[in-house]
Amino acid sequence: MRIIAGKLKGRLLHEPHGHKTHPMSEKVRGALFNVLGDIKGLTFLDAYAGTGAIAIEAISRGAKKAVATEKEHSAHFIIEKNVKELQLEKQIEVVHGSVGGWSIHNMERTFDLVVLDPPYERIKMQQLQTLINRHVKAGGLAVLSFPGNVPAPEFERVELITAKNYGDAQLVFYRKKS
């Protein structure tokens, strides 16, 4: 897995072994950032971070700060390793624990962009709604990575902007209402 664009373009990322995470493919990650466009100066929450590739790609492309949450121990270790090797410790806060637990203790923190890439076999719709309500700034975006063969979910307090299908995965973009 590599960083697609920005100041760290081409740098390789370590990946966890096993099947406890499902890293977003380079194709889908590239599509995500193509739809987002210019993200310079924005803040990101990479929930269910896996390898941390979303947060790292965001910083590479000019985002100001990112938080990457991951509860799976080996994946968390990989995120920390990637962040340290790329010298991004001042820009990416790596959280070891569930995003739900982090959210309860950080209710006041909001972000311009919240990327939700939960394990497909354990999607908790109420948790996704809570994360959107708490952590997406008014007018900000939430992006959900969701199975490609399932209709895009609707959430309260957001407007569905677009859904892009990539076979076994889709990206669903929502804008938070003011």
N, C-alpha and C. Protein backbone atom coordinates (compact mmCIF):
# COMPACT_ATOMS: atom_id res chain seq x y z
N MET A 1 0.85 -1.16 0.00
CA MET A 1 0.00 0.00 0.00
C MET A 1 0.90 1.23 0.00
N ARG A 2 0.53 2.21 -0.81
CA ARG A 2 1.34 3.40 -0.91
C ARG A 2 0.49 4.66 -0.80
N ILE A 3 1.14 5.79 -0.55
CA ILE A 3 0.47 7.08 -0.53
C ILE A 3 0.34 7.54 -1.97
N ILE A 4 -0.85 7.98 -2.35
CA ILE A 4 -1.16 8.24 -3.74
C ILE A 4 -0.68 9.61 -4.22
N ALA A 5 -0.84 10.64 -3.39
CA ALA A 5 -0.55 12.00 -3.86
C ALA A 5 -0.06 12.87 -2.72
N GLY A 6 0.40 14.07 -3.07
CA GLY A 6 0.83 15.04 -2.07
C GLY A 6 2.30 14.94 -1.76
N LYS A 7 2.68 15.57 -0.66
CA LYS A 7 4.10 15.66 -0.30
C LYS A 7 4.72 14.31 0.03
N LEU A 8 3.93 13.30 0.35
CA LEU A 8 4.44 11.96 0.68
C LEU A 8 4.15 10.94 -0.43
N LYS A 9 3.80 11.43 -1.61
CA LYS A 9 3.42 10.55 -2.73
C LYS A 9 4.48 9.46 -2.95
N GLY A 10 3.97 8.23 -3.10
CA GLY A 10 4.84 7.10 -3.39
C GLY A 10 5.40 6.39 -2.18
N ARG A 11 5.33 7.01 -1.00
CA ARG A 11 5.84 6.36 0.20
C ARG A 11 4.98 5.14 0.52
N LEU A 12 5.64 4.07 0.95
CA LEU A 12 4.93 2.84 1.27
C LEU A 12 4.44 2.85 2.71
N LEU A 13 3.30 2.21 2.93
CA LEU A 13 2.73 2.07 4.27
C LEU A 13 2.79 0.61 4.69
N HIS A 14 3.07 0.39 5.97
CA HIS A 14 2.99 -0.96 6.52
C HIS A 14 1.51 -1.32 6.65
N GLU A 15 1.20 -2.60 6.54
CA GLU A 15 -0.17 -3.09 6.67
C GLU A 15 -0.21 -4.18 7.73
N PRO A 16 -1.31 -4.25 8.51
CA PRO A 16 -1.42 -5.33 9.49
C PRO A 16 -1.67 -6.66 8.79
N HIS A 17 -1.20 -7.74 9.39
CA HIS A 17 -1.44 -9.08 8.86
C HIS A 17 -2.79 -9.58 9.35
N GLY A 18 -3.39 -10.49 8.62
CA GLY A 18 -4.66 -11.07 9.04
C GLY A 18 -5.83 -10.35 8.41
N HIS A 19 -7.02 -10.66 8.91
CA HIS A 19 -8.24 -10.14 8.30
C HIS A 19 -9.10 -9.36 9.29
N LYS A 20 -8.50 -8.80 10.32
CA LYS A 20 -9.28 -8.05 11.29
C LYS A 20 -9.63 -6.65 10.80
N THR A 21 -8.93 -6.17 9.79
CA THR A 21 -9.25 -4.89 9.17
C THR A 21 -9.41 -5.12 7.68
N HIS A 22 -10.10 -4.21 7.02
CA HIS A 22 -10.22 -4.29 5.55
C HIS A 22 -9.75 -2.96 4.99
N PRO A 23 -8.44 -2.83 4.75
CA PRO A 23 -7.94 -1.55 4.26
C PRO A 23 -8.64 -1.14 2.96
N MET A 24 -8.95 0.15 2.87
CA MET A 24 -9.55 0.69 1.67
C MET A 24 -8.52 0.58 0.54
N SER A 25 -8.92 0.07 -0.60
CA SER A 25 -8.00 -0.10 -1.72
C SER A 25 -7.49 1.26 -2.20
N GLU A 26 -6.34 1.24 -2.86
CA GLU A 26 -5.79 2.48 -3.41
C GLU A 26 -6.77 3.11 -4.39
N LYS A 27 -7.45 2.28 -5.17
CA LYS A 27 -8.42 2.78 -6.15
C LYS A 27 -9.52 3.58 -5.44
N VAL A 28 -10.11 2.99 -4.40
CA VAL A 28 -11.20 3.65 -3.69
C VAL A 28 -10.68 4.86 -2.92
N ARG A 29 -9.51 4.73 -2.31
CA ARG A 29 -8.92 5.88 -1.58
C ARG A 29 -8.65 7.03 -2.54
N GLY A 30 -8.11 6.71 -3.72
CA GLY A 30 -7.87 7.74 -4.72
C GLY A 30 -9.17 8.41 -5.15
N ALA A 31 -10.22 7.61 -5.34
CA ALA A 31 -11.53 8.15 -5.70
C ALA A 31 -12.07 9.06 -4.60
N LEU A 32 -11.91 8.65 -3.36
CA LEU A 32 -12.35 9.46 -2.22
C LEU A 32 -11.74 10.85 -2.29
N PHE A 33 -10.43 10.92 -2.44
CA PHE A 33 -9.76 12.22 -2.44
C PHE A 33 -10.01 13.00 -3.72
N ASN A 34 -10.28 12.31 -4.84
CA ASN A 34 -10.65 13.02 -6.06
C ASN A 34 -11.98 13.72 -5.89
N VAL A 35 -12.95 13.07 -5.24
CA VAL A 35 -14.25 13.68 -5.00
C VAL A 35 -14.10 14.85 -4.01
N LEU A 36 -13.28 14.67 -2.97
CA LEU A 36 -13.11 15.72 -1.97
C LEU A 36 -12.43 16.95 -2.55
N GLY A 37 -11.51 16.77 -3.46
CA GLY A 37 -10.81 17.91 -4.06
C GLY A 37 -9.80 18.52 -3.10
N ASP A 38 -9.73 19.84 -3.07
CA ASP A 38 -8.74 20.55 -2.25
C ASP A 38 -9.11 20.44 -0.77
N ILE A 39 -8.23 19.84 0.01
CA ILE A 39 -8.50 19.67 1.45
C ILE A 39 -7.49 20.43 2.30
N LYS A 40 -6.74 21.32 1.69
CA LYS A 40 -5.71 22.07 2.43
C LYS A 40 -6.31 22.79 3.63
N GLY A 41 -5.67 22.60 4.79
CA GLY A 41 -6.08 23.28 6.00
C GLY A 41 -7.25 22.67 6.74
N LEU A 42 -7.82 21.58 6.23
CA LEU A 42 -8.98 20.98 6.87
C LEU A 42 -8.57 19.98 7.94
N THR A 43 -9.52 19.63 8.81
CA THR A 43 -9.30 18.64 9.85
C THR A 43 -10.07 17.38 9.53
N PHE A 44 -9.48 16.22 9.90
CA PHE A 44 -10.03 14.90 9.57
C PHE A 44 -10.19 14.06 10.81
N LEU A 45 -11.24 13.26 10.85
CA LEU A 45 -11.36 12.14 11.77
C LEU A 45 -11.40 10.89 10.92
N ASP A 46 -10.42 10.02 11.09
CA ASP A 46 -10.36 8.73 10.40
C ASP A 46 -10.82 7.68 11.40
N ALA A 47 -12.13 7.45 11.44
CA ALA A 47 -12.70 6.47 12.36
C ALA A 47 -12.49 5.07 11.78
N TYR A 48 -12.26 4.10 12.63
CA TYR A 48 -11.98 2.73 12.18
C TYR A 48 -10.78 2.76 11.22
N ALA A 49 -9.67 3.29 11.68
CA ALA A 49 -8.56 3.70 10.81
C ALA A 49 -7.78 2.58 10.13
N GLY A 50 -7.78 1.37 10.66
CA GLY A 50 -7.05 0.28 10.01
C GLY A 50 -5.56 0.54 9.92
N THR A 51 -5.06 0.93 8.76
CA THR A 51 -3.63 1.24 8.58
C THR A 51 -3.32 2.71 8.83
N GLY A 52 -4.36 3.53 8.93
CA GLY A 52 -4.15 4.97 9.05
C GLY A 52 -3.98 5.64 7.70
N ALA A 53 -4.19 4.89 6.61
CA ALA A 53 -3.93 5.41 5.27
C ALA A 53 -4.76 6.65 4.94
N ILE A 54 -6.00 6.72 5.41
CA ILE A 54 -6.84 7.89 5.11
C ILE A 54 -6.26 9.13 5.79
N ALA A 55 -5.94 9.02 7.07
CA ALA A 55 -5.38 10.17 7.79
C ALA A 55 -4.04 10.58 7.18
N ILE A 56 -3.20 9.61 6.85
CA ILE A 56 -1.88 9.90 6.29
C ILE A 56 -2.03 10.53 4.91
N GLU A 57 -2.91 10.00 4.09
CA GLU A 57 -3.15 10.57 2.75
C GLU A 57 -3.67 12.00 2.88
N ALA A 58 -4.55 12.23 3.85
CA ALA A 58 -5.10 13.58 4.05
C ALA A 58 -3.98 14.57 4.39
N ILE A 59 -3.11 14.20 5.31
CA ILE A 59 -2.00 15.08 5.68
C ILE A 59 -1.07 15.28 4.49
N SER A 60 -0.79 14.23 3.75
CA SER A 60 0.06 14.34 2.56
C SER A 60 -0.51 15.35 1.57
N ARG A 61 -1.83 15.43 1.50
CA ARG A 61 -2.50 16.33 0.55
C ARG A 61 -2.80 17.71 1.13
N GLY A 62 -2.31 17.98 2.34
CA GLY A 62 -2.43 19.34 2.86
C GLY A 62 -3.40 19.55 4.00
N ALA A 63 -4.07 18.50 4.48
CA ALA A 63 -4.94 18.67 5.64
C ALA A 63 -4.10 19.14 6.83
N LYS A 64 -4.73 19.89 7.73
CA LYS A 64 -4.01 20.47 8.86
C LYS A 64 -3.75 19.46 9.97
N LYS A 65 -4.77 18.76 10.39
CA LYS A 65 -4.68 17.79 11.50
C LYS A 65 -5.60 16.63 11.23
N ALA A 66 -5.26 15.49 11.85
CA ALA A 66 -6.11 14.31 11.73
C ALA A 66 -6.06 13.52 13.03
N VAL A 67 -7.14 12.84 13.32
CA VAL A 67 -7.22 11.88 14.40
C VAL A 67 -7.54 10.54 13.76
N ALA A 68 -6.78 9.50 14.12
CA ALA A 68 -7.01 8.15 13.60
C ALA A 68 -7.31 7.24 14.79
N THR A 69 -8.51 6.67 14.82
CA THR A 69 -8.88 5.77 15.92
C THR A 69 -8.91 4.33 15.42
N GLU A 70 -8.36 3.44 16.22
CA GLU A 70 -8.36 2.01 15.89
C GLU A 70 -8.29 1.20 17.17
N LYS A 71 -9.21 0.25 17.33
CA LYS A 71 -9.22 -0.54 18.56
C LYS A 71 -8.41 -1.83 18.45
N GLU A 72 -8.25 -2.37 17.24
CA GLU A 72 -7.53 -3.63 17.06
C GLU A 72 -6.04 -3.37 17.31
N HIS A 73 -5.47 -4.13 18.21
CA HIS A 73 -4.11 -3.86 18.70
C HIS A 73 -3.05 -3.86 17.58
N SER A 74 -3.01 -4.90 16.75
CA SER A 74 -1.96 -4.95 15.73
C SER A 74 -2.13 -3.83 14.70
N ALA A 75 -3.36 -3.49 14.36
CA ALA A 75 -3.60 -2.39 13.42
C ALA A 75 -3.16 -1.07 14.04
N HIS A 76 -3.48 -0.86 15.32
CA HIS A 76 -3.05 0.37 16.01
C HIS A 76 -1.53 0.49 16.00
N PHE A 77 -0.85 -0.61 16.26
CA PHE A 77 0.61 -0.63 16.24
C PHE A 77 1.13 -0.21 14.85
N ILE A 78 0.50 -0.70 13.79
CA ILE A 78 0.90 -0.36 12.42
C ILE A 78 0.68 1.13 12.15
N ILE A 79 -0.45 1.68 12.61
CA ILE A 79 -0.68 3.11 12.41
C ILE A 79 0.42 3.92 13.08
N GLU A 80 0.71 3.58 14.33
CA GLU A 80 1.77 4.31 15.04
C GLU A 80 3.11 4.20 14.31
N LYS A 81 3.41 3.01 13.80
CA LYS A 81 4.66 2.80 13.07
C LYS A 81 4.69 3.66 11.80
N ASN A 82 3.58 3.67 11.04
CA ASN A 82 3.51 4.48 9.82
C ASN A 82 3.66 5.97 10.13
N VAL A 83 2.95 6.43 11.15
CA VAL A 83 2.99 7.85 11.51
C VAL A 83 4.40 8.25 11.96
N LYS A 84 5.03 7.40 12.76
CA LYS A 84 6.39 7.70 13.23
C LYS A 84 7.39 7.71 12.08
N GLU A 85 7.35 6.69 11.22
CA GLU A 85 8.30 6.62 10.11
C GLU A 85 8.15 7.80 9.16
N LEU A 86 6.92 8.31 9.01
CA LEU A 86 6.67 9.44 8.12
C LEU A 86 6.80 10.79 8.83
N GLN A 87 7.14 10.74 10.13
CA GLN A 87 7.34 11.93 10.97
C GLN A 87 6.10 12.84 10.98
N LEU A 88 4.95 12.22 11.23
CA LEU A 88 3.68 12.95 11.25
C LEU A 88 3.07 13.03 12.65
N GLU A 89 3.87 12.77 13.68
CA GLU A 89 3.34 12.73 15.05
C GLU A 89 2.67 14.04 15.47
N LYS A 90 3.12 15.18 14.95
CA LYS A 90 2.53 16.47 15.32
C LYS A 90 1.23 16.74 14.58
N GLN A 91 0.98 16.01 13.50
CA GLN A 91 -0.22 16.27 12.71
C GLN A 91 -1.29 15.20 12.85
N ILE A 92 -0.88 13.98 13.23
CA ILE A 92 -1.86 12.89 13.38
C ILE A 92 -1.85 12.38 14.81
N GLU A 93 -3.00 12.47 15.45
CA GLU A 93 -3.19 11.89 16.78
C GLU A 93 -3.71 10.47 16.59
N VAL A 94 -2.96 9.49 17.09
CA VAL A 94 -3.34 8.09 16.96
C VAL A 94 -3.97 7.64 18.27
N VAL A 95 -5.20 7.13 18.18
CA VAL A 95 -5.95 6.72 19.37
C VAL A 95 -6.11 5.21 19.36
N HIS A 96 -5.68 4.55 20.44
CA HIS A 96 -5.89 3.11 20.58
C HIS A 96 -7.14 2.90 21.41
N GLY A 97 -8.19 2.46 20.75
CA GLY A 97 -9.46 2.22 21.42
C GLY A 97 -10.59 2.35 20.42
N SER A 98 -11.77 2.01 20.86
CA SER A 98 -12.93 2.09 19.96
C SER A 98 -13.27 3.54 19.69
N VAL A 99 -13.76 3.81 18.51
CA VAL A 99 -14.15 5.18 18.17
C VAL A 99 -15.33 5.61 19.04
N GLY A 100 -16.19 4.66 19.43
CA GLY A 100 -17.30 5.00 20.32
C GLY A 100 -16.83 5.48 21.68
N GLY A 101 -15.85 4.79 22.25
CA GLY A 101 -15.28 5.21 23.53
C GLY A 101 -14.57 6.54 23.41
N TRP A 102 -13.80 6.71 22.33
CA TRP A 102 -13.12 8.00 22.10
C TRP A 102 -14.16 9.11 22.00
N SER A 103 -15.25 8.86 21.28
CA SER A 103 -16.28 9.87 21.06
C SER A 103 -16.91 10.34 22.37
N ILE A 104 -17.19 9.40 23.27
CA ILE A 104 -17.80 9.75 24.55
C ILE A 104 -16.92 10.71 25.34
N HIS A 105 -15.60 10.53 25.23
CA HIS A 105 -14.67 11.37 25.99
C HIS A 105 -14.21 12.60 25.22
N ASN A 106 -14.68 12.77 24.00
CA ASN A 106 -14.27 13.90 23.16
C ASN A 106 -15.47 14.50 22.43
N MET A 107 -16.59 14.63 23.13
CA MET A 107 -17.83 15.08 22.52
C MET A 107 -17.73 16.45 21.87
N GLU A 108 -16.83 17.29 22.37
CA GLU A 108 -16.73 18.66 21.87
C GLU A 108 -15.89 18.78 20.60
N ARG A 109 -15.18 17.74 20.21
CA ARG A 109 -14.28 17.80 19.05
C ARG A 109 -15.05 17.62 17.75
N THR A 110 -14.89 18.59 16.85
CA THR A 110 -15.54 18.52 15.54
C THR A 110 -14.49 18.63 14.45
N PHE A 111 -14.85 18.13 13.28
CA PHE A 111 -13.93 18.04 12.16
C PHE A 111 -14.62 18.49 10.87
N ASP A 112 -13.81 18.96 9.94
CA ASP A 112 -14.33 19.32 8.62
C ASP A 112 -14.78 18.08 7.86
N LEU A 113 -14.03 16.99 8.03
CA LEU A 113 -14.31 15.73 7.34
C LEU A 113 -14.20 14.56 8.30
N VAL A 114 -15.21 13.71 8.30
CA VAL A 114 -15.19 12.49 9.10
C VAL A 114 -15.35 11.32 8.13
N VAL A 115 -14.32 10.46 8.10
CA VAL A 115 -14.37 9.28 7.24
C VAL A 115 -14.70 8.07 8.11
N LEU A 116 -15.78 7.40 7.75
CA LEU A 116 -16.28 6.25 8.50
C LEU A 116 -16.10 5.00 7.64
N ASP A 117 -15.16 4.15 8.03
CA ASP A 117 -14.87 2.93 7.27
C ASP A 117 -14.95 1.73 8.21
N PRO A 118 -16.16 1.44 8.72
CA PRO A 118 -16.30 0.36 9.72
C PRO A 118 -16.11 -1.01 9.09
N PRO A 119 -15.77 -2.00 9.93
CA PRO A 119 -15.74 -3.38 9.42
C PRO A 119 -17.13 -3.73 8.87
N TYR A 120 -17.18 -4.20 7.64
CA TYR A 120 -18.47 -4.43 6.97
C TYR A 120 -19.33 -5.47 7.70
N GLU A 121 -18.69 -6.41 8.38
CA GLU A 121 -19.49 -7.45 9.05
C GLU A 121 -20.03 -6.98 10.41
N ARG A 122 -19.64 -5.80 10.85
CA ARG A 122 -20.10 -5.31 12.17
C ARG A 122 -20.49 -3.84 12.11
N ILE A 123 -21.26 -3.44 11.11
CA ILE A 123 -21.66 -2.04 10.98
C ILE A 123 -22.72 -1.72 12.02
N LYS A 124 -22.45 -0.70 12.81
CA LYS A 124 -23.37 -0.25 13.85
C LYS A 124 -23.95 1.09 13.42
N MET A 125 -25.15 1.06 12.84
CA MET A 125 -25.75 2.27 12.26
C MET A 125 -25.96 3.37 13.30
N GLN A 126 -26.36 3.01 14.51
CA GLN A 126 -26.58 4.03 15.54
C GLN A 126 -25.26 4.71 15.91
N GLN A 127 -24.18 3.94 15.97
CA GLN A 127 -22.88 4.53 16.26
C GLN A 127 -22.46 5.50 15.15
N LEU A 128 -22.70 5.12 13.90
CA LEU A 128 -22.37 6.02 12.78
C LEU A 128 -23.15 7.32 12.90
N GLN A 129 -24.44 7.22 13.22
CA GLN A 129 -25.27 8.43 13.39
C GLN A 129 -24.72 9.30 14.50
N THR A 130 -24.33 8.69 15.62
CA THR A 130 -23.77 9.44 16.74
C THR A 130 -22.48 10.15 16.34
N LEU A 131 -21.61 9.45 15.63
CA LEU A 131 -20.35 10.06 15.21
C LEU A 131 -20.60 11.24 14.27
N ILE A 132 -21.55 11.11 13.37
CA ILE A 132 -21.89 12.21 12.47
C ILE A 132 -22.43 13.38 13.26
N ASN A 133 -23.39 13.12 14.17
CA ASN A 133 -24.00 14.19 14.95
C ASN A 133 -22.97 14.94 15.80
N ARG A 134 -22.08 14.22 16.44
CA ARG A 134 -21.12 14.83 17.36
C ARG A 134 -19.93 15.48 16.69
N HIS A 135 -19.40 14.83 15.67
CA HIS A 135 -18.05 15.19 15.24
C HIS A 135 -17.93 15.86 13.87
N VAL A 136 -19.00 15.94 13.11
CA VAL A 136 -18.94 16.65 11.83
C VAL A 136 -19.39 18.09 12.07
N LYS A 137 -18.53 19.05 11.70
CA LYS A 137 -18.89 20.47 11.83
C LYS A 137 -20.10 20.77 10.95
N ALA A 138 -20.87 21.79 11.33
CA ALA A 138 -21.97 22.24 10.48
C ALA A 138 -21.40 22.60 9.12
N GLY A 139 -21.98 22.06 8.08
CA GLY A 139 -21.49 22.29 6.72
C GLY A 139 -20.37 21.35 6.32
N GLY A 140 -19.86 20.55 7.29
CA GLY A 140 -18.78 19.61 7.01
C GLY A 140 -19.30 18.35 6.34
N LEU A 141 -18.36 17.47 6.01
CA LEU A 141 -18.70 16.24 5.30
C LEU A 141 -18.44 15.00 6.14
N ALA A 142 -19.32 14.02 5.96
CA ALA A 142 -19.09 12.67 6.46
C ALA A 142 -19.04 11.78 5.22
N VAL A 143 -18.07 10.89 5.18
CA VAL A 143 -17.94 9.95 4.07
C VAL A 143 -17.98 8.55 4.66
N LEU A 144 -18.91 7.75 4.17
CA LEU A 144 -19.07 6.39 4.65
C LEU A 144 -18.60 5.41 3.59
N SER A 145 -17.70 4.51 3.97
CA SER A 145 -17.33 3.38 3.12
C SER A 145 -18.29 2.25 3.51
N PHE A 146 -19.01 1.74 2.54
CA PHE A 146 -20.12 0.84 2.79
C PHE A 146 -20.11 -0.27 1.75
N PRO A 147 -20.65 -1.46 2.04
CA PRO A 147 -20.68 -2.51 1.03
C PRO A 147 -21.36 -2.03 -0.26
N GLY A 148 -20.81 -2.41 -1.39
CA GLY A 148 -21.29 -1.92 -2.67
C GLY A 148 -22.63 -2.48 -3.10
N ASN A 149 -23.07 -3.58 -2.51
CA ASN A 149 -24.31 -4.24 -2.93
C ASN A 149 -25.49 -3.88 -2.03
N VAL A 150 -25.36 -2.85 -1.21
CA VAL A 150 -26.40 -2.46 -0.25
C VAL A 150 -26.78 -1.00 -0.52
N PRO A 151 -28.08 -0.67 -0.47
CA PRO A 151 -28.45 0.73 -0.67
C PRO A 151 -27.78 1.64 0.38
N ALA A 152 -27.41 2.83 -0.04
CA ALA A 152 -26.77 3.79 0.86
C ALA A 152 -27.72 4.15 2.00
N PRO A 153 -27.24 4.12 3.23
CA PRO A 153 -28.11 4.45 4.36
C PRO A 153 -28.40 5.95 4.44
N GLU A 154 -29.51 6.27 5.06
CA GLU A 154 -29.86 7.66 5.31
C GLU A 154 -29.63 7.93 6.79
N PHE A 155 -29.17 9.15 7.08
CA PHE A 155 -28.94 9.57 8.46
C PHE A 155 -29.65 10.89 8.70
N GLU A 156 -29.96 11.15 9.96
CA GLU A 156 -30.57 12.42 10.35
C GLU A 156 -29.51 13.51 10.34
N ARG A 157 -29.94 14.75 10.11
CA ARG A 157 -29.10 15.95 10.21
C ARG A 157 -28.04 16.07 9.11
N VAL A 158 -28.12 15.20 8.10
CA VAL A 158 -27.21 15.31 6.96
C VAL A 158 -27.99 15.13 5.67
N GLU A 159 -27.41 15.66 4.61
CA GLU A 159 -27.98 15.53 3.28
C GLU A 159 -27.05 14.62 2.48
N LEU A 160 -27.62 13.59 1.86
CA LEU A 160 -26.83 12.71 1.01
C LEU A 160 -26.47 13.47 -0.26
N ILE A 161 -25.17 13.61 -0.51
CA ILE A 161 -24.72 14.35 -1.69
C ILE A 161 -24.57 13.42 -2.88
N THR A 162 -23.84 12.34 -2.68
CA THR A 162 -23.62 11.39 -3.77
C THR A 162 -23.14 10.05 -3.21
N ALA A 163 -23.35 9.01 -3.96
CA ALA A 163 -22.82 7.68 -3.64
C ALA A 163 -22.11 7.18 -4.88
N LYS A 164 -20.88 6.74 -4.71
CA LYS A 164 -20.07 6.23 -5.81
C LYS A 164 -19.79 4.76 -5.55
N ASN A 165 -20.13 3.90 -6.52
CA ASN A 165 -19.97 2.46 -6.34
C ASN A 165 -18.70 1.98 -7.03
N TYR A 166 -17.94 1.14 -6.33
CA TYR A 166 -16.69 0.58 -6.84
C TYR A 166 -16.69 -0.94 -6.75
N GLY A 167 -17.80 -1.56 -7.07
CA GLY A 167 -17.91 -3.01 -7.01
C GLY A 167 -18.29 -3.49 -5.63
N ASP A 168 -17.32 -3.99 -4.87
CA ASP A 168 -17.63 -4.51 -3.53
C ASP A 168 -17.66 -3.42 -2.47
N ALA A 169 -17.39 -2.18 -2.84
CA ALA A 169 -17.42 -1.06 -1.89
C ALA A 169 -18.06 0.15 -2.56
N GLN A 170 -18.65 0.99 -1.74
CA GLN A 170 -19.14 2.27 -2.23
C GLN A 170 -18.77 3.35 -1.23
N LEU A 171 -18.63 4.56 -1.73
CA LEU A 171 -18.39 5.72 -0.88
C LEU A 171 -19.65 6.57 -0.93
N VAL A 172 -20.16 6.91 0.25
CA VAL A 172 -21.37 7.71 0.36
C VAL A 172 -20.99 9.02 1.05
N PHE A 173 -21.29 10.14 0.38
CA PHE A 173 -20.90 11.46 0.86
C PHE A 173 -22.13 12.18 1.41
N TYR A 174 -22.00 12.71 2.63
CA TYR A 174 -23.08 13.43 3.28
C TYR A 174 -22.56 14.80 3.72
N ARG A 175 -23.41 15.84 3.63
CA ARG A 175 -23.07 17.15 4.16
C ARG A 175 -23.95 17.41 5.37
N LYS A 176 -23.33 17.85 6.45
CA LYS A 176 -24.08 18.15 7.68
C LYS A 176 -24.83 19.45 7.52
N LYS A 177 -26.10 19.42 7.88
CA LYS A 177 -26.94 20.61 7.80
C LYS A 177 -26.55 21.59 8.89
N SER A 178 -26.68 22.87 8.58
CA SER A 178 -26.33 23.92 9.56
C SER A 178 -27.34 24.01 10.67
